[in-house]
C-alpha atoms as a PDB file:
ATOM      1  CA  LEU A   1     -24.498  44.779-121.734  1.00  0.00           C
ATOM      2  CA  GLY A   2     -21.629  42.765-120.281  1.00  0.00           C
ATOM      3  CA  GLN A   3     -21.034  39.038-120.636  1.00  0.00           C
ATOM      4  CA  THR A   4     -22.561  38.488-117.197  1.00  0.00           C
ATOM      5  CA  GLY A   5     -25.835  40.184-118.155  1.00  0.00           C
ATOM      6  CA  TYR A   6     -25.183  43.249-116.001  1.00  0.00           C
ATOM      7  CA  VAL A   7     -25.045  46.875-117.090  1.00  0.00           C
ATOM      8  CA  ARG A   8     -22.508  48.956-115.166  1.00  0.00           C
ATOM      9  CA  ALA A   9     -22.870  52.679-114.509  1.00  0.00           C
ATOM     10  CA  ALA A  10     -21.213  55.212-112.239  1.00  0.00           C
ATOM     11  CA  GLY A  11     -22.847  57.711-109.924  1.00  0.00           C
ATOM     12  CA  ALA A  12     -21.460  60.514-107.779  1.00  0.00           C
ATOM     13  CA  ARG A  13     -22.701  62.942-105.128  1.00  0.00           C
ATOM     14  CA  LYS A  14     -20.463  65.252-103.070  1.00  0.00           C
ATOM     15  CA  ALA A  15     -17.455  63.078-102.117  1.00  0.00           C
ATOM     16  CA  ALA A  16     -19.297  59.764-102.591  1.00  0.00           C
ATOM     17  CA  ARG A  17     -18.788  57.506-105.595  1.00  0.00           C
ATOM     18  CA  ALA A  18     -20.787  54.443-106.642  1.00  0.00           C
ATOM     19  CA  MET A  19     -20.322  51.772-109.299  1.00  0.00           C
ATOM     20  CA  VAL A  20     -23.675  50.076-109.875  1.00  0.00           C
ATOM     21  CA  ASP A  21     -24.408  46.858-111.774  1.00  0.00           C
ATOM     22  CA  VAL A  22     -28.037  46.167-112.756  1.00  0.00           C
ATOM     23  CA  ALA A  23     -29.432  42.998-114.331  1.00  0.00           C
ATOM     24  CA  LEU A  24     -32.993  42.044-115.184  1.00  0.00           C
ATOM     25  CA  LYS A  25     -32.642  38.508-113.891  1.00  0.00           C
ATOM     26  CA  PRO A  26     -33.086  36.811-110.526  1.00  0.00           C
ATOM     27  CA  PRO A  27     -30.231  37.286-108.062  1.00  0.00           C
ATOM     28  CA  PRO A  28     -27.673  34.451-107.941  1.00  0.00           C
ATOM     29  CA  LEU A  29     -28.090  31.886-105.187  1.00  0.00           C
ATOM     30  CA  SER A  30     -24.756  30.092-105.600  1.00  0.00           C
ATOM     31  CA  GLY A  31     -22.251  29.646-102.793  1.00  0.00           C
ATOM     32  CA  GLY A  32     -23.209  31.112 -99.441  1.00  0.00           C
ATOM     33  CA  ALA A  33     -25.259  33.908-100.984  1.00  0.00           C
ATOM     34  CA  SER A  34     -28.267  35.044 -99.029  1.00  0.00           C
ATOM     35  CA  PRO A  35     -31.699  34.600-100.600  1.00  0.00           C
ATOM     36  CA  PRO A  36     -33.304  37.612-102.298  1.00  0.00           C
ATOM     37  CA  HIS A  37     -34.687  40.061 -99.776  1.00  0.00           C
ATOM     38  CA  LEU A  38     -37.372  41.573-102.014  1.00  0.00           C
ATOM     39  CA  VAL A  39     -39.843  38.836-102.930  1.00  0.00           C
ATOM     40  CA  SER A  40     -43.207  39.204-104.653  1.00  0.00           C
ATOM     41  CA  ALA A  41     -46.361  37.290-103.795  1.00  0.00           C
ATOM     42  CA  ASP A  42     -45.657  34.735-106.542  1.00  0.00           C
ATOM     43  CA  GLY A  43     -42.101  34.084-105.293  1.00  0.00           C
ATOM     44  CA  VAL A  44     -40.131  36.050-107.884  1.00  0.00           C
ATOM     45  CA  GLY A  45     -37.087  37.477-106.156  1.00  0.00           C
ATOM     46  CA  ALA A  46     -35.096  40.650-106.517  1.00  0.00           C
ATOM     47  CA  SER A  47     -32.209  41.998-104.534  1.00  0.00           C
ATOM     48  CA  VAL A  48     -30.219  45.164-103.985  1.00  0.00           C
ATOM     49  CA  THR A  49     -26.812  44.736-102.360  1.00  0.00           C
ATOM     50  CA  VAL A  50     -24.310  47.417-101.355  1.00  0.00           C
ATOM     51  CA  ASN A  51     -20.696  46.345-100.821  1.00  0.00           C
ATOM     52  CA  GLY A  52     -21.980  42.757-100.511  1.00  0.00           C
ATOM     53  CA  ILE A  53     -24.559  43.622 -97.814  1.00  0.00           C
ATOM     54  CA  PRO A  54     -28.349  43.870 -98.335  1.00  0.00           C
ATOM     55  CA  PHE A  55     -29.153  47.558 -98.818  1.00  0.00           C
ATOM     56  CA  ASP A  56     -31.551  47.743 -95.854  1.00  0.00           C
ATOM     57  CA  ASP A  57     -28.751  46.563 -93.532  1.00  0.00           C
ATOM     58  CA  TYR A  58     -26.203  48.973 -95.043  1.00  0.00           C
ATOM     59  CA  PHE A  59     -28.476  52.034 -95.154  1.00  0.00           C
ATOM     60  CA  LEU A  60     -30.307  52.251 -91.836  1.00  0.00           C
ATOM     61  CA  GLU A  61     -31.933  55.618 -92.589  1.00  0.00           C
ATOM     62  CA  LEU A  62     -35.326  55.387 -94.292  1.00  0.00           C
ATOM     63  CA  GLU A  63     -34.579  58.451 -96.427  1.00  0.00           C
ATOM     64  CA  ALA A  64     -31.459  56.783 -97.844  1.00  0.00           C
ATOM     65  CA  ARG A  65     -33.472  53.656 -98.710  1.00  0.00           C
ATOM     66  CA  TYR A  66     -36.091  55.875-100.353  1.00  0.00           C
ATOM     67  CA  HIS A  67     -33.427  57.499-102.566  1.00  0.00           C
ATOM     68  CA  ILE A  68     -32.162  54.098-103.660  1.00  0.00           C
ATOM     69  CA  MET A  69     -35.624  52.862-104.614  1.00  0.00           C
ATOM     70  CA  LEU A  70     -36.590  55.975-106.618  1.00  0.00           C
ATOM     71  CA  PRO A  71     -35.235  54.800-110.027  1.00  0.00           C
ATOM     72  CA  LEU A  72     -36.828  51.346-109.599  1.00  0.00           C
ATOM     73  CA  ARG A  73     -40.146  52.935-108.654  1.00  0.00           C
ATOM     74  CA  ALA A  74     -39.958  55.413-111.566  1.00  0.00           C
ATOM     75  CA  VAL A  75     -39.543  52.686-114.214  1.00  0.00           C
ATOM     76  CA  GLY A  76     -42.122  50.426-112.563  1.00  0.00           C
ATOM     77  CA  LEU A  77     -39.873  47.567-111.430  1.00  0.00           C
ATOM     78  CA  LEU A  78     -40.654  48.104-107.770  1.00  0.00           C
ATOM     79  CA  SER A  79     -44.411  48.369-108.207  1.00  0.00           C
ATOM     80  CA  GLN A  80     -44.349  44.930-109.842  1.00  0.00           C
ATOM     81  CA  LEU A  81     -42.982  43.467-106.602  1.00  0.00           C
ATOM     82  CA  ASP A  82     -45.914  44.635-104.486  1.00  0.00           C
ATOM     83  CA  GLU A  83     -48.305  42.035-103.120  1.00  0.00           C
ATOM     84  CA  THR A  84     -51.031  43.618-105.260  1.00  0.00           C
ATOM     85  CA  SER A  85     -49.138  42.890-108.488  1.00  0.00           C
ATOM     86  CA  GLY A  86     -51.360  40.013-109.535  1.00  0.00           C
ATOM     87  CA  GLY A  87     -48.477  37.722-110.482  1.00  0.00           C
ATOM     88  CA  ASN A  88     -46.543  39.686-113.111  1.00  0.00           C
ATOM     89  CA  ALA A  89     -43.437  40.434-111.034  1.00  0.00           C
ATOM     90  CA  PHE A  90     -40.175  41.130-112.801  1.00  0.00           C
ATOM     91  CA  PRO A  91     -36.907  39.912-111.218  1.00  0.00           C
ATOM     92  CA  PHE A  92     -33.896  42.206-110.996  1.00  0.00           C
ATOM     93  CA  HIS A  93     -30.536  42.217-109.270  1.00  0.00           C
ATOM     94  CA  VAL A  94     -28.655  45.366-108.299  1.00  0.00           C
ATOM     95  CA  ARG A  95     -25.188  45.273-106.788  1.00  0.00           C
ATOM     96  CA  ALA A  96     -23.237  48.385-105.928  1.00  0.00           C
ATOM     97  CA  GLU A  97     -19.805  49.300-104.650  1.00  0.00           C
ATOM     98  CA  VAL A  98     -19.843  52.631-102.827  1.00  0.00           C
ATOM     99  CA  HIS A  99     -17.104  54.584-101.071  1.00  0.00           C
ATOM    100  CA  GLY A 100     -16.353  58.075 -99.833  1.00  0.00           C
ATOM    101  CA  GLY A 101     -18.625  60.682 -98.336  1.00  0.00           C
ATOM    102  CA  GLY A 102     -21.415  59.950 -95.901  1.00  0.00           C
ATOM    103  CA  ARG A 103     -24.275  57.483 -96.062  1.00  0.00           C
ATOM    104  CA  MET A 104     -26.718  59.939 -97.635  1.00  0.00           C
ATOM    105  CA  GLY A 105     -24.232  60.985-100.307  1.00  0.00           C
ATOM    106  CA  GLN A 106     -23.562  57.314-101.022  1.00  0.00           C
ATOM    107  CA  ALA A 107     -27.284  56.625-101.366  1.00  0.00           C
ATOM    108  CA  GLN A 108     -27.706  59.525-103.792  1.00  0.00           C
ATOM    109  CA  ALA A 109     -24.644  58.432-105.783  1.00  0.00           C
ATOM    110  CA  MET A 110     -26.120  54.945-105.966  1.00  0.00           C
ATOM    111  CA  ARG A 111     -29.450  56.401-107.110  1.00  0.00           C
ATOM    112  CA  LEU A 112     -27.738  58.183-110.018  1.00  0.00           C
ATOM    113  CA  GLY A 113     -25.787  55.040-110.974  1.00  0.00           C
ATOM    114  CA  MET A 114     -28.948  52.914-110.895  1.00  0.00           C
ATOM    115  CA  ALA A 115     -30.844  55.433-113.029  1.00  0.00           C
ATOM    116  CA  ARG A 116     -28.032  55.530-115.601  1.00  0.00           C
ATOM    117  CA  ALA A 117     -27.814  51.736-115.714  1.00  0.00           C
ATOM    118  CA  LEU A 118     -31.591  51.344-116.062  1.00  0.00           C
ATOM    119  CA  SER A 119     -31.714  53.904-118.887  1.00  0.00           C
ATOM    120  CA  GLU A 120     -29.036  51.893-120.711  1.00  0.00           C
ATOM    121  CA  LEU A 121     -30.696  48.555-119.976  1.00  0.00           C
ATOM    122  CA  LEU A 122     -34.243  49.730-120.794  1.00  0.00           C
ATOM    123  CA  PRO A 123     -33.872  52.589-123.350  1.00  0.00           C
ATOM    124  CA  ASP A 124     -37.614  53.315-123.388  1.00  0.00           C
ATOM    125  CA  THR A 125     -37.451  54.365-119.706  1.00  0.00           C
ATOM    126  CA  ARG A 126     -34.907  57.138-120.320  1.00  0.00           C
ATOM    127  CA  ARG A 127     -37.587  59.811-120.810  1.00  0.00           C
ATOM    128  CA  THR A 128     -39.334  58.791-117.571  1.00  0.00           C
ATOM    129  CA  LEU A 129     -36.072  58.892-115.609  1.00  0.00           C
ATOM    130  CA  LYS A 130     -35.105  62.230-117.159  1.00  0.00           C
ATOM    131  CA  LYS A 131     -38.513  63.739-116.316  1.00  0.00           C
ATOM    132  CA  ALA A 132     -38.121  62.539-112.706  1.00  0.00           C
ATOM    133  CA  GLU A 133     -34.690  64.292-112.675  1.00  0.00           C
ATOM    134  CA  LEU A 134     -32.912  61.053-111.794  1.00  0.00           C
ATOM    135  CA  LEU A 135     -30.311  61.261-114.590  1.00  0.00           C
ATOM    136  CA  THR A 136     -28.873  64.618-113.492  1.00  0.00           C
ATOM    137  CA  ARG A 137     -25.913  64.772-111.123  1.00  0.00           C
ATOM    138  CA  ASP A 138     -26.421  67.192-108.251  1.00  0.00           C
ATOM    139  CA  PRO A 139     -23.456  69.585-108.615  1.00  0.00           C
ATOM    140  CA  ARG A 140     -23.616  71.046-105.103  1.00  0.00           C
ATOM    141  CA  VAL A 141     -20.515  70.437-102.985  1.00  0.00           C
ATOM    142  CA  VAL A 142     -19.177  71.984 -99.787  1.00  0.00           C
ATOM    143  CA  GLU A 143     -17.249  75.227-100.326  1.00  0.00           C
ATOM    144  CA  SER A 144     -13.572  75.289 -99.431  1.00  0.00           C
ATOM    145  CA  LYS A 145     -12.377  77.174 -96.381  1.00  0.00           C
ATOM    146  CA  VAL A 146     -10.829  80.558 -97.134  1.00  0.00           C
ATOM    147  CA  ALA A 147      -7.599  81.700 -95.459  1.00  0.00           C
ATOM    148  CA  GLY A 148      -8.189  84.359 -92.808  1.00  0.00           C
ATOM    149  CA  ARG A 149     -11.785  83.308 -92.173  1.00  0.00           C
ATOM    150  CA  ARG A 150     -13.390  80.829 -89.808  1.00  0.00           C
ATOM    151  CA  LYS A 151     -15.148  78.846 -92.559  1.00  0.00           C
ATOM    152  CA  ALA A 152     -15.844  79.364 -96.259  1.00  0.00           C
ATOM    153  CA  ARG A 153     -17.932  82.506 -95.691  1.00  0.00           C
ATOM    154  CA  LYS A 154     -17.981  83.136 -91.943  1.00  0.00           C
ATOM    155  CA  LYS A 155     -15.759  86.011 -90.796  1.00  0.00           C
ATOM    156  CA  GLU A 156     -14.356  86.962 -87.437  1.00  0.00           C
ATOM    157  CA  GLN A 157     -16.665  89.142 -85.358  1.00  0.00           C
ATOM    158  CA  TRP A 158     -16.065  92.798 -86.107  1.00  0.00           C
ATOM    159  CA  SER A 159     -15.358  95.049 -83.177  1.00  0.00           C
ATOM    160  CA  LYS A 160     -15.501  98.859 -83.362  1.00  0.00           C
ATOM    161  CA  ARG A 161     -12.886  99.425 -80.639  1.00  0.00           C
END
């Protein structure tokens, strides 16, 4: 746990890399910062920012947003922000710096970084995250092109004559 109250973890997927900071405290409202964009019924705020932008503005695809929310949903932080929570919401602040790859790879890299940070911040959730397969890096990457072929595996069309 750093001096600022954040836990930092790295995530990767294909060519995308993410450095994720997670804190179990309300997001800062100093300076020109925008108010938290995830707010429970009793006014407790939480926020997820990517490269300084709210995550729902950065990731326009619903599937990418779903990937980002998976670790929070698995440990129960997101369910506490629902309107049906009955007033026991838990504030959190997630900030991430992502680069490389495409948007979906960035979202999956961020998901891995968030899961690693949450398992360090809340050690009792490690088993839950591991069972949900959120702590395992997906090793699949695009194969390199081979000389003399069109792509990694595709060959020129064979002709008999």
